[in-house]
Amino acid sequence: MGDRVLDLFAGARLTPTQRRIAHCLVEHAQKAAYLSAAEVADLAGVSQPSVTRFAIALGYEGYPALRRVLRELTAAGDGTHVGDHNAMQLAVAAEAEHLGRLRDQLTRLDDVCRAADLLVNSRPLPVLGLRSAAPLAGYFGYFAGKIHPDVRVLDAGGTNLLDRLDQARTAGAGAMLAMVLPRYPRESLEALREAKALGYAVVAITDSAVSPVAELADVVLPAAVGTRLVFDLHTGPMAMAMVLLQAMCDADPEPVQRRLEEFEATASRRHIFQL
């Protein structure tokens, strides 16, 4: 039953509150099909208007229309067949599907190799990631710093962000990597417009080839995000980031190997790691 209810929300771009409602409906599918909007709100821990807005966001006139569909799904099966999974399992299964599509997408590496060439030759290398993309930018920047002499992670907004873009460009940067994920912060898009005006080549990791960042990037590397829990799962973009980093290593192997050996020697001398 849960997976059939979850299909109602597939492809919908929901707010965290709306995802909480969706998660509640999946977890309590049999029960929720016969509850009022107020009762669903109480079950999910949200307001009644939030439940109404949720139904409208899915294309229904209101919650009663959505409830009728839920009742039809309930009538179509009793929810006891062996193939049923809970919402957490379904979310992880969806991530596995995303990774499978990413695997197939990487059959052709033209865009990845082009992106790697641009980034590995940029001195310095700015890496932009604001809000939900900030941890991904930091993760990429940490490892990229082992193979690139000057990686600059831009994970804070404000006017200082544009100053740092100016400074990197003046220092010789020719390309930048931008991580722009839903819900697409306006500040990220504004920063990319400024980067293009400054003459940067932009490589973007985002959730879709038709995301708002696509028209601002020279190379787009799409990787779907998971939307089946209250907050997005970024497994796909994380994998794409590491694939891109590997391609950067492959694009300039001798200097990369030298820098890696230097890092290991320094780490050993300073006793940085336990193992």
Protein backbone atom coordinates (compact mmCIF):
# COMPACT_ATOMS: atom_id res chain seq x y z
CA MET A 1 0.00 0.00 0.00
CA GLY A 2 2.76 2.45 0.99
CA ASP A 3 4.53 2.33 -2.36
CA ARG A 4 1.27 2.98 -4.25
CA VAL A 5 0.57 6.03 -2.08
CA LEU A 6 4.14 7.24 -2.57
CA ASP A 7 3.62 7.17 -6.33
CA LEU A 8 1.07 9.99 -5.88
CA PHE A 9 3.89 12.30 -4.88
CA ALA A 10 6.47 11.23 -7.48
CA GLY A 11 7.90 14.21 -9.32
CA ALA A 12 6.19 16.82 -7.13
CA ARG A 13 8.43 19.53 -5.71
CA LEU A 14 7.25 19.77 -2.11
CA THR A 15 8.34 21.93 0.80
CA PRO A 16 9.74 20.19 3.90
CA THR A 17 6.37 20.62 5.66
CA GLN A 18 4.56 19.08 2.70
CA ARG A 19 7.03 16.21 2.62
CA ARG A 20 6.31 15.61 6.29
CA ILE A 21 2.63 15.25 5.40
CA ALA A 22 3.47 12.92 2.48
CA HIS A 23 5.67 10.82 4.75
CA CYS A 24 2.83 10.58 7.28
CA LEU A 25 0.35 9.48 4.61
CA VAL A 26 2.72 6.76 3.41
CA GLU A 27 3.40 5.50 6.92
CA HIS A 28 -0.31 5.51 7.86
CA ALA A 29 -1.85 4.88 4.44
CA GLN A 30 -4.69 2.63 5.60
CA LYS A 31 -5.68 4.94 8.44
CA ALA A 32 -5.14 8.28 6.67
CA ALA A 33 -7.54 7.42 3.86
CA TYR A 34 -10.41 7.85 6.32
CA LEU A 35 -9.18 10.85 8.33
CA SER A 36 -10.18 14.49 7.98
CA ALA A 37 -7.67 17.18 7.07
CA ALA A 38 -7.58 18.23 10.74
CA GLU A 39 -6.87 14.67 11.85
CA VAL A 40 -4.10 14.26 9.27
CA ALA A 41 -2.64 17.57 10.43
CA ASP A 42 -2.63 16.32 14.03
CA LEU A 43 -1.06 13.02 12.98
CA ALA A 44 1.69 14.77 11.00
CA GLY A 45 2.21 17.54 13.53
CA VAL A 46 1.38 20.36 11.12
CA SER A 47 -1.45 22.86 10.69
CA GLN A 48 -4.72 22.06 8.92
CA PRO A 49 -4.10 24.72 6.23
CA SER A 50 -0.78 23.00 5.49
CA VAL A 51 -2.67 19.80 4.66
CA THR A 52 -4.99 21.70 2.34
CA ARG A 53 -2.06 23.43 0.60
CA PHE A 54 -0.36 20.05 0.27
CA ALA A 55 -3.35 18.58 -1.59
CA ILE A 56 -3.52 21.63 -3.86
CA ALA A 57 0.22 21.37 -4.57
CA LEU A 58 -0.45 17.85 -5.88
CA GLY A 59 -3.13 19.18 -8.23
CA TYR A 60 -6.26 18.40 -6.23
CA GLU A 61 -9.00 20.91 -5.38
CA GLY A 62 -8.51 20.18 -1.70
CA TYR A 63 -7.85 17.42 0.78
CA PRO A 64 -11.23 15.67 0.28
CA ALA A 65 -10.32 15.03 -3.37
CA LEU A 66 -6.95 13.60 -2.36
CA ARG A 67 -8.61 11.48 0.32
CA ARG A 68 -10.92 9.93 -2.29
CA VAL A 69 -7.85 8.79 -4.23
CA LEU A 70 -6.31 7.39 -1.06
CA ARG A 71 -9.51 5.42 -0.40
CA GLU A 72 -9.43 4.03 -3.93
CA LEU A 73 -5.87 2.85 -3.38
CA THR A 74 -6.90 1.32 -0.06
CA ALA A 75 -9.74 -0.54 -1.74
CA ALA A 76 -7.38 -1.83 -4.43
CA GLY A 77 -5.31 -3.79 -1.92
CA ASP A 78 -5.19 -4.62 1.76
CA GLY A 79 -1.51 -3.70 2.16
CA THR A 80 -0.42 -7.12 3.34
CA HIS A 81 1.36 -8.48 0.26
CA VAL A 82 4.98 -9.41 0.68
CA GLY A 83 6.28 -6.73 -1.71
CA ASP A 84 5.28 -3.82 0.55
CA HIS A 85 8.07 -1.76 2.12
CA ASN A 86 8.01 1.06 4.62
CA ALA A 87 8.74 4.66 3.66
CA MET A 88 12.38 4.51 4.73
CA GLN A 89 13.05 1.44 2.60
CA LEU A 90 11.30 3.03 -0.36
CA ALA A 91 13.42 6.17 -0.03
CA VAL A 92 16.62 4.13 -0.06
CA ALA A 93 15.35 2.06 -2.99
CA ALA A 94 14.68 5.27 -4.91
CA GLU A 95 18.26 6.36 -4.26
CA ALA A 96 19.50 3.06 -5.68
CA GLU A 97 17.45 3.76 -8.80
CA HIS A 98 18.97 7.23 -9.07
CA LEU A 99 22.47 5.76 -8.85
CA GLY A 100 21.55 3.20 -11.51
CA ARG A 101 20.50 6.00 -13.86
CA LEU A 102 23.70 7.89 -13.05
CA ARG A 103 25.71 4.78 -13.89
CA ASP A 104 24.00 4.56 -17.28
CA GLN A 105 24.49 8.29 -17.84
CA LEU A 106 28.24 7.85 -17.32
CA THR A 107 28.47 5.51 -20.29
CA ARG A 108 29.43 8.71 -22.12
CA LEU A 109 32.06 10.72 -20.28
CA ASP A 110 32.39 13.65 -22.68
CA ASP A 111 30.87 16.24 -20.33
CA VAL A 112 32.68 14.89 -17.28
CA CYS A 113 36.04 14.99 -19.08
CA ARG A 114 35.38 18.48 -20.43
CA ALA A 115 34.46 19.68 -16.94
CA ALA A 116 37.56 18.05 -15.45
CA ASP A 117 39.85 19.75 -17.99
CA LEU A 118 38.35 23.16 -17.19
CA LEU A 119 38.62 22.74 -13.44
CA VAL A 120 42.02 21.11 -13.11
CA ASN A 121 43.61 23.93 -15.13
CA SER A 122 42.00 26.77 -13.17
CA ARG A 123 44.36 28.46 -10.71
CA PRO A 124 42.79 29.10 -8.25
CA LEU A 125 39.68 26.90 -8.33
CA PRO A 126 36.53 28.36 -6.72
CA VAL A 127 33.91 25.84 -5.57
CA LEU A 128 30.49 27.35 -4.87
CA GLY A 129 27.88 25.72 -2.66
CA LEU A 130 25.31 27.62 -0.62
CA ARG A 131 22.71 26.42 1.88
CA SER A 132 22.00 22.68 1.36
CA ALA A 133 24.87 22.45 -1.15
CA ALA A 134 27.45 23.87 1.29
CA PRO A 135 28.40 20.48 2.83
CA LEU A 136 28.84 19.00 -0.65
CA ALA A 137 31.08 21.90 -1.70
CA GLY A 138 33.12 21.45 1.47
CA TYR A 139 33.45 17.70 0.94
CA PHE A 140 34.58 18.17 -2.66
CA GLY A 141 36.91 20.99 -1.65
CA TYR A 142 38.57 18.91 1.07
CA PHE A 143 39.59 16.17 -1.34
CA ALA A 144 40.24 18.49 -4.29
CA GLY A 145 42.76 20.30 -2.09
CA LYS A 146 44.89 17.15 -2.10
CA ILE A 147 45.36 17.28 -5.88
CA HIS A 148 44.95 21.00 -6.68
CA PRO A 149 47.22 23.73 -5.29
CA ASP A 150 44.54 26.38 -4.63
CA VAL A 151 40.92 25.36 -3.99
CA ARG A 152 38.64 28.06 -2.61
CA VAL A 153 35.33 26.86 -1.17
CA LEU A 154 32.64 29.54 -1.36
CA ASP A 155 29.97 28.40 1.07
CA ALA A 156 28.78 31.71 2.55
CA GLY A 157 26.59 34.26 0.82
CA GLY A 158 26.42 38.03 1.09
CA THR A 159 28.37 40.72 -0.72
CA ASN A 160 31.61 39.08 0.38
CA LEU A 161 30.80 36.18 -1.96
CA LEU A 162 31.01 38.43 -5.00
CA ASP A 163 34.23 39.94 -3.64
CA ARG A 164 35.76 36.47 -3.41
CA LEU A 165 34.73 35.74 -7.00
CA ASP A 166 36.46 38.95 -8.05
CA GLN A 167 39.58 38.06 -6.08
CA ALA A 168 39.81 34.54 -7.52
CA ARG A 169 39.35 35.86 -11.04
CA THR A 170 42.05 38.50 -10.52
CA ALA A 171 44.34 35.78 -9.18
CA GLY A 172 43.93 33.86 -12.45
CA ALA A 173 40.90 31.60 -12.04
CA GLY A 174 39.40 30.65 -15.37
CA ALA A 175 36.72 28.19 -14.26
CA MET A 176 34.61 27.42 -11.22
CA LEU A 177 32.52 24.55 -9.95
CA ALA A 178 29.01 25.33 -8.71
CA MET A 179 26.88 22.97 -6.64
CA VAL A 180 23.29 24.22 -6.99
CA LEU A 181 20.60 21.96 -5.57
CA PRO A 182 16.87 22.35 -4.90
CA ARG A 183 15.40 24.68 -3.86
CA TYR A 184 17.93 26.66 -5.94
CA PRO A 185 18.99 29.61 -3.75
CA ARG A 186 18.60 32.90 -5.61
CA GLU A 187 21.99 33.96 -4.28
CA SER A 188 23.64 31.01 -6.01
CA LEU A 189 22.08 31.93 -9.34
CA GLU A 190 23.04 35.59 -8.89
CA ALA A 191 26.62 34.53 -8.13
CA LEU A 192 26.74 32.50 -11.33
CA ARG A 193 25.45 35.42 -13.38
CA GLU A 194 28.23 37.53 -11.91
CA ALA A 195 30.76 34.76 -12.58
CA LYS A 196 29.74 34.64 -16.24
CA ALA A 197 30.06 38.43 -16.46
CA LEU A 198 33.58 38.13 -15.05
CA GLY A 199 34.49 35.59 -17.72
CA TYR A 200 34.42 32.34 -15.75
CA ALA A 201 33.69 29.02 -17.40
CA VAL A 202 31.09 27.42 -15.11
CA VAL A 203 30.73 23.71 -14.37
CA ALA A 204 27.53 22.92 -12.48
CA ILE A 205 26.47 19.86 -10.52
CA THR A 206 22.71 20.08 -10.13
CA ASP A 207 19.71 17.79 -9.92
CA SER A 208 18.51 18.04 -13.51
CA ALA A 209 19.62 19.11 -16.96
CA VAL A 210 16.70 21.56 -16.94
CA SER A 211 17.33 23.08 -13.51
CA PRO A 212 17.54 26.90 -13.32
CA VAL A 213 21.33 26.72 -13.25
CA ALA A 214 21.56 24.95 -16.63
CA GLU A 215 21.31 28.12 -18.69
CA LEU A 216 24.13 29.71 -16.70
CA ALA A 217 26.62 26.84 -16.97
CA ASP A 218 29.06 25.82 -19.70
CA VAL A 219 28.93 22.19 -18.57
CA VAL A 220 26.02 20.68 -16.62
CA LEU A 221 26.51 17.42 -14.73
CA PRO A 222 23.03 16.33 -13.58
CA ALA A 223 22.47 13.93 -10.71
CA ALA A 224 19.00 13.44 -9.24
CA VAL A 225 18.29 14.16 -5.58
CA GLY A 226 16.04 11.98 -3.44
CA THR A 227 12.71 13.59 -2.57
CA ARG A 228 10.94 10.83 -0.64
CA LEU A 229 11.83 12.00 2.85
CA VAL A 230 11.19 15.31 4.59
CA PHE A 231 14.57 16.62 3.37
CA ASP A 232 16.41 15.81 0.16
CA LEU A 233 18.89 12.96 -0.10
CA HIS A 234 22.03 14.05 -2.00
CA THR A 235 23.51 10.64 -2.72
CA GLY A 236 23.51 11.23 -6.50
CA PRO A 237 25.19 14.67 -6.45
CA MET A 238 27.77 13.35 -3.99
CA ALA A 239 28.60 10.47 -6.33
CA MET A 240 28.81 12.84 -9.29
CA ALA A 241 31.19 15.12 -7.38
CA MET A 242 33.54 12.22 -6.66
CA VAL A 243 33.35 11.02 -10.28
CA LEU A 244 34.33 14.53 -11.38
CA LEU A 245 37.23 14.57 -8.94
CA GLN A 246 38.46 11.24 -10.32
CA ALA A 247 38.27 12.67 -13.84
CA MET A 248 40.36 15.64 -12.69
CA CYS A 249 42.97 13.20 -11.41
CA ASP A 250 42.95 11.38 -14.73
CA ALA A 251 43.21 14.64 -16.70
CA ASP A 252 46.58 15.60 -15.18
CA PRO A 253 48.04 12.42 -13.67
CA GLU A 254 51.69 13.31 -13.06
CA PRO A 255 51.20 16.51 -11.00
CA VAL A 256 48.29 14.86 -9.20
CA GLN A 257 50.40 11.87 -8.22
CA ARG A 258 53.19 14.13 -7.04
CA ARG A 259 50.84 16.17 -4.87
CA LEU A 260 49.28 13.02 -3.40
CA GLU A 261 52.71 11.65 -2.50
CA GLU A 262 53.67 14.99 -0.93
CA PHE A 263 50.48 14.97 1.12
CA GLU A 264 51.06 11.44 2.37
CA ALA A 265 54.62 12.31 3.35
CA THR A 266 53.43 15.38 5.24
CA ALA A 267 50.60 13.47 6.92
CA SER A 268 53.05 10.81 8.06
CA ARG A 269 55.53 13.35 9.40
CA ARG A 270 52.82 15.18 11.31
CA HIS A 271 51.10 11.98 12.51
CA ILE A 272 47.77 13.32 11.25
CA PHE A 273 45.99 9.96 11.03
CA GLN A 274 45.79 7.03 13.43
CA LEU A 275 46.07 4.49 10.59
